[in-house]
C-alpha atoms as a PDB file:
ATOM      1  CA  UNK A   1     -29.259 -59.037  -3.786  1.00  0.00           C
ATOM      2  CA  UNK A   2     -29.917 -55.482  -4.943  1.00  0.00           C
ATOM      3  CA  UNK A   3     -29.628 -52.594  -2.537  1.00  0.00           C
ATOM      4  CA  UNK A   4     -32.731 -50.777  -1.870  1.00  0.00           C
ATOM      5  CA  UNK A   5     -31.644 -47.268  -1.292  1.00  0.00           C
ATOM      6  CA  UNK A   6     -29.188 -46.951  -4.278  1.00  0.00           C
ATOM      7  CA  UNK A   7     -32.081 -48.463  -6.541  1.00  0.00           C
ATOM      8  CA  UNK A   8     -34.620 -46.056  -5.199  1.00  0.00           C
ATOM      9  CA  UNK A   9     -32.337 -43.015  -5.814  1.00  0.00           C
ATOM     10  CA  UNK A  10     -31.909 -44.240  -9.312  1.00  0.00           C
ATOM     11  CA  UNK A  11     -35.566 -44.490 -10.025  1.00  0.00           C
ATOM     12  CA  UNK A  12     -35.965 -40.943  -8.445  1.00  0.00           C
ATOM     13  CA  UNK A  13     -33.318 -39.594 -10.777  1.00  0.00           C
ATOM     14  CA  UNK A  14     -34.957 -41.118 -13.809  1.00  0.00           C
ATOM     15  CA  UNK A  15     -38.269 -39.713 -12.700  1.00  0.00           C
ATOM     16  CA  UNK A  16     -36.869 -36.225 -12.330  1.00  0.00           C
ATOM     17  CA  UNK A  17     -35.386 -36.435 -15.807  1.00  0.00           C
ATOM     18  CA  UNK A  18     -38.850 -37.400 -17.157  1.00  0.00           C
ATOM     19  CA  UNK A  19     -40.505 -34.421 -15.332  1.00  0.00           C
ATOM     20  CA  UNK A  20     -37.833 -32.066 -16.535  1.00  0.00           C
ATOM     21  CA  UNK A  21     -38.206 -33.194 -20.294  1.00  0.00           C
ATOM     22  CA  UNK A  22     -42.071 -32.769 -19.986  1.00  0.00           C
ATOM     23  CA  UNK A  23     -41.628 -29.321 -18.440  1.00  0.00           C
ATOM     24  CA  UNK A  24     -39.148 -28.327 -21.194  1.00  0.00           C
ATOM     25  CA  UNK A  25     -41.730 -29.581 -23.878  1.00  0.00           C
ATOM     26  CA  UNK A  26     -44.492 -27.341 -22.163  1.00  0.00           C
ATOM     27  CA  UNK A  27     -42.047 -24.254 -22.106  1.00  0.00           C
ATOM     28  CA  UNK A  28     -41.810 -24.316 -18.182  1.00  0.00           C
ATOM     29  CA  UNK A  29     -37.985 -23.932 -18.120  1.00  0.00           C
ATOM     30  CA  UNK A  30     -37.827 -22.794 -14.572  1.00  0.00           C
ATOM     31  CA  UNK A  31     -39.243 -26.277 -13.527  1.00  0.00           C
ATOM     32  CA  UNK A  32     -37.271 -28.137 -16.086  1.00  0.00           C
ATOM     33  CA  UNK A  33     -34.004 -26.465 -14.722  1.00  0.00           C
ATOM     34  CA  UNK A  34     -34.718 -27.290 -11.085  1.00  0.00           C
ATOM     35  CA  UNK A  35     -35.657 -30.862 -11.993  1.00  0.00           C
ATOM     36  CA  UNK A  36     -32.325 -31.404 -13.874  1.00  0.00           C
ATOM     37  CA  UNK A  37     -30.373 -29.836 -10.975  1.00  0.00           C
ATOM     38  CA  UNK A  38     -32.246 -32.170  -8.639  1.00  0.00           C
ATOM     39  CA  UNK A  39     -31.516 -35.162 -10.650  1.00  0.00           C
ATOM     40  CA  UNK A  40     -27.858 -34.304 -10.794  1.00  0.00           C
ATOM     41  CA  UNK A  41     -27.799 -33.921  -6.988  1.00  0.00           C
ATOM     42  CA  UNK A  42     -29.616 -37.314  -6.552  1.00  0.00           C
ATOM     43  CA  UNK A  43     -26.967 -38.892  -8.859  1.00  0.00           C
ATOM     44  CA  UNK A  44     -24.124 -37.346  -7.052  1.00  0.00           C
ATOM     45  CA  UNK A  45     -25.586 -38.404  -3.572  1.00  0.00           C
ATOM     46  CA  UNK A  46     -26.056 -41.976  -4.973  1.00  0.00           C
ATOM     47  CA  UNK A  47     -22.454 -42.393  -6.405  1.00  0.00           C
ATOM     48  CA  UNK A  48     -20.762 -40.896  -3.412  1.00  0.00           C
ATOM     49  CA  UNK A  49     -22.738 -42.178  -0.339  1.00  0.00           C
ATOM     50  CA  UNK A  50     -23.882 -45.529  -1.586  1.00  0.00           C
ATOM     51  CA  UNK A  51     -21.035 -46.778  -3.679  1.00  0.00           C
ATOM     52  CA  UNK A  52     -19.682 -50.301  -3.091  1.00  0.00           C
ATOM     53  CA  UNK A  53     -16.335 -50.440  -1.405  1.00  0.00           C
ATOM     54  CA  UNK A  54     -14.673 -51.779  -4.328  1.00  0.00           C
ATOM     55  CA  UNK A  55     -16.141 -49.564  -6.889  1.00  0.00           C
ATOM     56  CA  UNK A  56     -13.651 -47.313  -8.686  1.00  0.00           C
ATOM     57  CA  UNK A  57     -10.516 -49.117  -7.197  1.00  0.00           C
ATOM     58  CA  UNK A  58      -8.048 -50.221  -9.827  1.00  0.00           C
END
């Protein structure tokens, strides 16, 4: 069964990337930069807070 919060965070990160690419295409670089930064933070949050216990263990 999929976990809801990590899935939602992944969708939010993809949405922020799409918004950033559209902002870059329309020469709105401040918005694009903030969206890329926000997407990075969302990905970091997802990977550190909502990681499975066995993930990354060798």
